[in-house]
Amino acid sequence: QVQLVESGGDLVQPGGSLRLSCAASGIILRLSEVGWYRQAPGKQRELVASITVGGRTNYADSVKGRFTISRDNAQNTVYLQMNNLKPEDTAVYYCNAKKWYDDYSTYWGQGTQVTVSS
């Protein structure tokens, strides 16, 4: 059974930092493309950052220079370091993993809430 468990969401002041974690079981993240998505109230879910099997990263323009996605193969975990947070970053953040092996299935985590407010 595949599980993606996000953690690290919190209430933080503008300009603050958070690190989100996506811990996986039942799936090998280093053999998967992993993305962090977010969904704010009344808005569509959007891709924030992604990392390929080869380690290439991609970011939405709105977070470039502030967010960093990384992968710890030993821990089978993907992180999203978020710096200089802004109120518009407030959303539920979801981890998504697409296997590039076996059956090429895609999985979602349950989400973690990030609120940026003074």
N, C-alpha and C. Protein backbone atom coordinates (compact mmCIF):
# COMPACT_ATOMS: atom_id res chain seq x y z
N GLN A 1 0.84 -1.19 0.00
CA GLN A 1 0.00 0.00 0.00
C GLN A 1 0.88 1.25 0.00
N VAL A 2 0.59 2.15 -0.92
CA VAL A 2 1.37 3.38 -1.02
C VAL A 2 0.79 4.45 -0.11
N GLN A 3 1.68 5.10 0.62
CA GLN A 3 1.28 6.23 1.45
C GLN A 3 2.26 7.38 1.27
N LEU A 4 1.70 8.56 1.09
CA LEU A 4 2.48 9.80 1.09
C LEU A 4 1.95 10.63 2.24
N VAL A 5 2.82 10.95 3.18
CA VAL A 5 2.40 11.67 4.37
C VAL A 5 3.12 13.01 4.43
N GLU A 6 2.36 14.08 4.27
CA GLU A 6 2.92 15.42 4.37
C GLU A 6 2.91 15.89 5.81
N SER A 7 3.89 16.70 6.15
CA SER A 7 3.93 17.32 7.46
C SER A 7 4.72 18.62 7.36
N GLY A 8 4.64 19.40 8.41
CA GLY A 8 5.41 20.64 8.46
C GLY A 8 4.61 21.90 8.26
N GLY A 9 3.35 21.77 7.88
CA GLY A 9 2.53 22.95 7.72
C GLY A 9 2.27 23.62 9.06
N ASP A 10 2.09 24.93 9.00
CA ASP A 10 1.92 25.68 10.25
C ASP A 10 1.43 27.09 9.93
N LEU A 11 1.19 27.85 10.98
CA LEU A 11 0.90 29.27 10.88
C LEU A 11 2.22 30.01 11.05
N VAL A 12 2.55 30.88 10.09
CA VAL A 12 3.82 31.58 10.13
C VAL A 12 3.59 33.03 9.68
N GLN A 13 4.41 33.92 10.19
CA GLN A 13 4.30 35.33 9.82
C GLN A 13 4.93 35.57 8.44
N PRO A 14 4.47 36.61 7.77
CA PRO A 14 5.11 36.95 6.49
C PRO A 14 6.61 37.13 6.66
N GLY A 15 7.37 36.61 5.70
CA GLY A 15 8.81 36.65 5.79
C GLY A 15 9.42 35.45 6.47
N GLY A 16 8.59 34.63 7.07
CA GLY A 16 9.07 33.46 7.78
C GLY A 16 9.36 32.29 6.85
N SER A 17 9.76 31.18 7.46
CA SER A 17 10.15 29.99 6.71
C SER A 17 9.46 28.75 7.28
N LEU A 18 9.26 27.79 6.42
CA LEU A 18 8.77 26.47 6.80
C LEU A 18 9.44 25.43 5.93
N ARG A 19 9.54 24.23 6.44
CA ARG A 19 9.99 23.11 5.63
C ARG A 19 8.92 22.02 5.68
N LEU A 20 8.38 21.72 4.53
CA LEU A 20 7.41 20.65 4.41
C LEU A 20 8.12 19.34 4.07
N SER A 21 7.57 18.25 4.59
CA SER A 21 8.11 16.93 4.31
C SER A 21 7.03 16.06 3.68
N CYS A 22 7.47 15.21 2.76
CA CYS A 22 6.59 14.21 2.15
C CYS A 22 7.29 12.87 2.34
N ALA A 23 6.86 12.14 3.35
CA ALA A 23 7.46 10.85 3.66
C ALA A 23 6.65 9.75 2.98
N ALA A 24 7.37 8.86 2.29
CA ALA A 24 6.69 7.86 1.47
C ALA A 24 6.93 6.44 1.99
N SER A 25 5.92 5.61 1.80
CA SER A 25 6.06 4.18 2.02
C SER A 25 5.33 3.47 0.89
N GLY A 26 5.87 2.34 0.50
CA GLY A 26 5.26 1.58 -0.59
C GLY A 26 5.57 2.11 -1.98
N ILE A 27 6.42 3.11 -2.06
CA ILE A 27 6.82 3.70 -3.34
C ILE A 27 8.24 4.22 -3.18
N ILE A 28 9.02 4.09 -4.23
CA ILE A 28 10.42 4.53 -4.20
C ILE A 28 10.48 5.92 -4.82
N LEU A 29 10.68 6.94 -4.00
CA LEU A 29 10.62 8.30 -4.51
C LEU A 29 11.76 8.63 -5.46
N ARG A 30 12.92 7.99 -5.31
CA ARG A 30 14.03 8.31 -6.21
C ARG A 30 13.77 7.77 -7.61
N LEU A 31 12.78 6.90 -7.74
CA LEU A 31 12.37 6.37 -9.04
C LEU A 31 11.02 6.94 -9.47
N SER A 32 10.67 8.07 -8.86
CA SER A 32 9.38 8.71 -9.15
C SER A 32 9.58 10.19 -9.39
N GLU A 33 8.70 10.76 -10.17
CA GLU A 33 8.68 12.22 -10.26
C GLU A 33 7.76 12.72 -9.16
N VAL A 34 8.25 13.65 -8.37
CA VAL A 34 7.51 14.12 -7.20
C VAL A 34 7.25 15.61 -7.34
N GLY A 35 6.03 15.99 -7.06
CA GLY A 35 5.67 17.40 -7.12
C GLY A 35 4.97 17.85 -5.85
N TRP A 36 5.18 19.10 -5.51
CA TRP A 36 4.40 19.76 -4.46
C TRP A 36 3.38 20.66 -5.16
N TYR A 37 2.14 20.47 -4.79
CA TYR A 37 1.05 21.29 -5.30
C TYR A 37 0.42 22.04 -4.13
N ARG A 38 -0.31 23.08 -4.45
CA ARG A 38 -1.05 23.78 -3.40
C ARG A 38 -2.41 24.19 -3.93
N GLN A 39 -3.34 24.31 -3.00
CA GLN A 39 -4.68 24.74 -3.34
C GLN A 39 -5.19 25.70 -2.29
N ALA A 40 -5.44 26.91 -2.72
CA ALA A 40 -6.01 27.92 -1.83
C ALA A 40 -7.52 27.89 -1.97
N PRO A 41 -8.24 28.38 -0.95
CA PRO A 41 -9.71 28.38 -1.01
C PRO A 41 -10.23 29.08 -2.26
N GLY A 42 -11.11 28.41 -2.98
CA GLY A 42 -11.71 28.99 -4.17
C GLY A 42 -10.82 29.00 -5.40
N LYS A 43 -9.65 28.37 -5.30
CA LYS A 43 -8.72 28.37 -6.44
C LYS A 43 -8.42 26.93 -6.85
N GLN A 44 -7.91 26.82 -8.07
CA GLN A 44 -7.52 25.50 -8.56
C GLN A 44 -6.20 25.07 -7.95
N ARG A 45 -6.01 23.76 -7.88
CA ARG A 45 -4.74 23.24 -7.40
C ARG A 45 -3.67 23.58 -8.43
N GLU A 46 -2.52 24.03 -7.96
CA GLU A 46 -1.44 24.41 -8.86
C GLU A 46 -0.13 23.76 -8.45
N LEU A 47 0.70 23.52 -9.45
CA LEU A 47 2.02 22.95 -9.20
C LEU A 47 2.95 24.04 -8.68
N VAL A 48 3.61 23.75 -7.58
CA VAL A 48 4.54 24.69 -6.97
C VAL A 48 5.97 24.36 -7.34
N ALA A 49 6.32 23.08 -7.21
CA ALA A 49 7.68 22.64 -7.49
C ALA A 49 7.66 21.16 -7.77
N SER A 50 8.65 20.71 -8.56
CA SER A 50 8.74 19.29 -8.85
C SER A 50 10.20 18.88 -9.00
N ILE A 51 10.44 17.59 -8.82
CA ILE A 51 11.77 17.04 -8.99
C ILE A 51 11.66 15.73 -9.75
N THR A 52 12.49 15.59 -10.78
CA THR A 52 12.43 14.40 -11.61
C THR A 52 13.30 13.28 -11.03
N VAL A 53 13.21 12.13 -11.65
CA VAL A 53 14.05 11.01 -11.23
C VAL A 53 15.52 11.38 -11.34
N GLY A 54 15.85 12.15 -12.36
CA GLY A 54 17.24 12.56 -12.55
C GLY A 54 17.66 13.71 -11.67
N GLY A 55 16.74 14.24 -10.88
CA GLY A 55 17.08 15.32 -9.97
C GLY A 55 16.83 16.72 -10.51
N ARG A 56 16.28 16.82 -11.71
CA ARG A 56 15.99 18.14 -12.25
C ARG A 56 14.80 18.73 -11.51
N THR A 57 14.92 20.01 -11.18
CA THR A 57 13.85 20.69 -10.43
C THR A 57 13.16 21.73 -11.30
N ASN A 58 11.92 22.00 -10.95
CA ASN A 58 11.13 22.98 -11.68
C ASN A 58 10.27 23.72 -10.68
N TYR A 59 10.10 25.03 -10.89
CA TYR A 59 9.35 25.85 -9.93
C TYR A 59 8.35 26.74 -10.65
N ALA A 60 7.25 26.99 -9.98
CA ALA A 60 6.32 28.00 -10.46
C ALA A 60 7.01 29.37 -10.34
N ASP A 61 6.67 30.25 -11.26
CA ASP A 61 7.30 31.58 -11.24
C ASP A 61 7.08 32.29 -9.91
N SER A 62 5.94 32.05 -9.30
CA SER A 62 5.59 32.76 -8.07
C SER A 62 6.46 32.37 -6.87
N VAL A 63 7.16 31.25 -6.96
CA VAL A 63 7.96 30.79 -5.83
C VAL A 63 9.45 30.70 -6.15
N LYS A 64 9.83 30.97 -7.38
CA LYS A 64 11.25 30.89 -7.76
C LYS A 64 12.08 31.81 -6.88
N GLY A 65 13.19 31.26 -6.40
CA GLY A 65 14.07 32.04 -5.54
C GLY A 65 13.70 32.01 -4.08
N ARG A 66 12.51 31.48 -3.78
CA ARG A 66 12.07 31.42 -2.38
C ARG A 66 11.89 29.98 -1.89
N PHE A 67 11.46 29.09 -2.78
CA PHE A 67 11.21 27.70 -2.42
C PHE A 67 12.27 26.80 -3.04
N THR A 68 12.60 25.73 -2.33
CA THR A 68 13.54 24.74 -2.83
C THR A 68 13.00 23.34 -2.56
N ILE A 69 12.93 22.54 -3.61
CA ILE A 69 12.52 21.15 -3.46
C ILE A 69 13.77 20.28 -3.44
N SER A 70 13.76 19.26 -2.58
CA SER A 70 14.90 18.36 -2.49
C SER A 70 14.42 16.97 -2.11
N ARG A 71 15.31 16.02 -2.30
CA ARG A 71 14.94 14.62 -2.05
C ARG A 71 16.03 13.95 -1.23
N ASP A 72 15.63 13.21 -0.22
CA ASP A 72 16.55 12.40 0.59
C ASP A 72 16.25 10.94 0.27
N ASN A 73 17.11 10.35 -0.53
CA ASN A 73 16.84 8.98 -0.97
C ASN A 73 16.87 7.99 0.19
N ALA A 74 17.76 8.20 1.12
CA ALA A 74 17.88 7.28 2.26
C ALA A 74 16.61 7.30 3.12
N GLN A 75 16.02 8.47 3.26
CA GLN A 75 14.81 8.61 4.06
C GLN A 75 13.55 8.43 3.24
N ASN A 76 13.71 8.30 1.91
CA ASN A 76 12.56 8.17 1.02
C ASN A 76 11.57 9.31 1.25
N THR A 77 12.12 10.50 1.30
CA THR A 77 11.34 11.70 1.65
C THR A 77 11.71 12.83 0.70
N VAL A 78 10.71 13.61 0.35
CA VAL A 78 10.94 14.82 -0.43
C VAL A 78 10.55 16.02 0.43
N TYR A 79 11.35 17.08 0.34
CA TYR A 79 11.13 18.27 1.15
C TYR A 79 10.80 19.47 0.28
N LEU A 80 10.14 20.42 0.88
CA LEU A 80 9.94 21.72 0.25
C LEU A 80 10.32 22.78 1.28
N GLN A 81 11.46 23.39 1.06
CA GLN A 81 11.91 24.49 1.92
C GLN A 81 11.29 25.77 1.39
N MET A 82 10.57 26.45 2.24
CA MET A 82 9.87 27.67 1.84
C MET A 82 10.38 28.83 2.67
N ASN A 83 10.99 29.79 2.01
CA ASN A 83 11.53 30.98 2.67
C ASN A 83 10.79 32.22 2.21
N ASN A 84 10.93 33.27 2.99
CA ASN A 84 10.30 34.56 2.67
C ASN A 84 8.83 34.36 2.29
N LEU A 85 8.12 33.68 3.15
CA LEU A 85 6.72 33.36 2.87
C LEU A 85 5.87 34.61 2.82
N LYS A 86 4.88 34.56 1.93
CA LYS A 86 3.96 35.67 1.72
C LYS A 86 2.52 35.20 2.01
N PRO A 87 1.65 36.14 2.32
CA PRO A 87 0.25 35.74 2.57
C PRO A 87 -0.36 34.95 1.41
N GLU A 88 0.06 35.26 0.21
CA GLU A 88 -0.49 34.54 -0.96
C GLU A 88 0.01 33.10 -1.08
N ASP A 89 0.94 32.72 -0.22
CA ASP A 89 1.39 31.32 -0.18
C ASP A 89 0.45 30.46 0.67
N THR A 90 -0.50 31.10 1.33
CA THR A 90 -1.44 30.37 2.17
C THR A 90 -2.26 29.38 1.34
N ALA A 91 -2.23 28.13 1.73
CA ALA A 91 -2.91 27.08 0.97
C ALA A 91 -2.71 25.74 1.67
N VAL A 92 -3.43 24.75 1.20
CA VAL A 92 -3.12 23.37 1.58
C VAL A 92 -2.11 22.86 0.55
N TYR A 93 -1.02 22.32 1.04
CA TYR A 93 0.05 21.82 0.19
C TYR A 93 -0.02 20.29 0.12
N TYR A 94 0.03 19.79 -1.10
CA TYR A 94 -0.08 18.36 -1.35
C TYR A 94 1.16 17.82 -2.03
N CYS A 95 1.51 16.62 -1.67
CA CYS A 95 2.60 15.90 -2.32
C CYS A 95 2.00 14.95 -3.35
N ASN A 96 2.63 14.90 -4.51
CA ASN A 96 2.19 14.01 -5.59
C ASN A 96 3.39 13.24 -6.09
N ALA A 97 3.22 11.95 -6.30
CA ALA A 97 4.32 11.13 -6.80
C ALA A 97 3.84 10.26 -7.95
N LYS A 98 4.57 10.30 -9.06
CA LYS A 98 4.28 9.46 -10.21
C LYS A 98 5.44 8.49 -10.38
N LYS A 99 5.10 7.22 -10.30
CA LYS A 99 6.13 6.19 -10.44
C LYS A 99 6.64 6.14 -11.87
N TRP A 100 7.97 6.09 -12.01
CA TRP A 100 8.58 5.85 -13.33
C TRP A 100 9.15 4.45 -13.38
N TYR A 101 8.36 3.54 -12.78
CA TYR A 101 8.70 2.12 -12.83
C TYR A 101 7.40 1.36 -12.56
N ASP A 102 7.49 0.04 -12.71
CA ASP A 102 6.33 -0.80 -12.36
C ASP A 102 5.09 -0.36 -13.16
N ASP A 103 4.04 0.06 -12.49
CA ASP A 103 2.78 0.36 -13.18
C ASP A 103 2.57 1.84 -13.48
N TYR A 104 3.56 2.70 -13.18
CA TYR A 104 3.49 4.13 -13.50
C TYR A 104 2.26 4.81 -12.90
N SER A 105 1.85 4.36 -11.75
CA SER A 105 0.70 4.98 -11.07
C SER A 105 1.08 6.30 -10.42
N THR A 106 0.05 7.09 -10.14
CA THR A 106 0.22 8.39 -9.49
C THR A 106 -0.52 8.39 -8.15
N TYR A 107 0.10 9.02 -7.16
CA TYR A 107 -0.46 9.02 -5.82
C TYR A 107 -0.42 10.43 -5.24
N TRP A 108 -1.36 10.70 -4.34
CA TRP A 108 -1.46 11.98 -3.63
C TRP A 108 -1.41 11.75 -2.13
N GLY A 109 -0.84 12.72 -1.44
CA GLY A 109 -0.93 12.74 0.01
C GLY A 109 -2.19 13.45 0.45
N GLN A 110 -2.35 13.56 1.77
CA GLN A 110 -3.59 14.12 2.32
C GLN A 110 -3.54 15.63 2.47
N GLY A 111 -2.35 16.20 2.36
CA GLY A 111 -2.20 17.65 2.43
C GLY A 111 -1.81 18.15 3.81
N THR A 112 -1.17 19.32 3.81
CA THR A 112 -0.80 19.98 5.06
C THR A 112 -1.07 21.48 4.88
N GLN A 113 -1.64 22.08 5.91
CA GLN A 113 -2.06 23.48 5.81
C GLN A 113 -0.91 24.43 6.12
N VAL A 114 -0.71 25.38 5.23
CA VAL A 114 0.25 26.46 5.45
C VAL A 114 -0.54 27.76 5.47
N THR A 115 -0.39 28.50 6.55
CA THR A 115 -1.06 29.79 6.68
C THR A 115 -0.02 30.85 6.97
N VAL A 116 0.01 31.86 6.14
CA VAL A 116 0.96 32.97 6.30
C VAL A 116 0.15 34.21 6.65
N SER A 117 0.31 34.65 7.87
CA SER A 117 -0.49 35.77 8.35
C SER A 117 0.19 36.41 9.54
N SER A 118 0.00 37.73 9.67
CA SER A 118 0.52 38.43 10.83
C SER A 118 -0.54 38.52 11.91
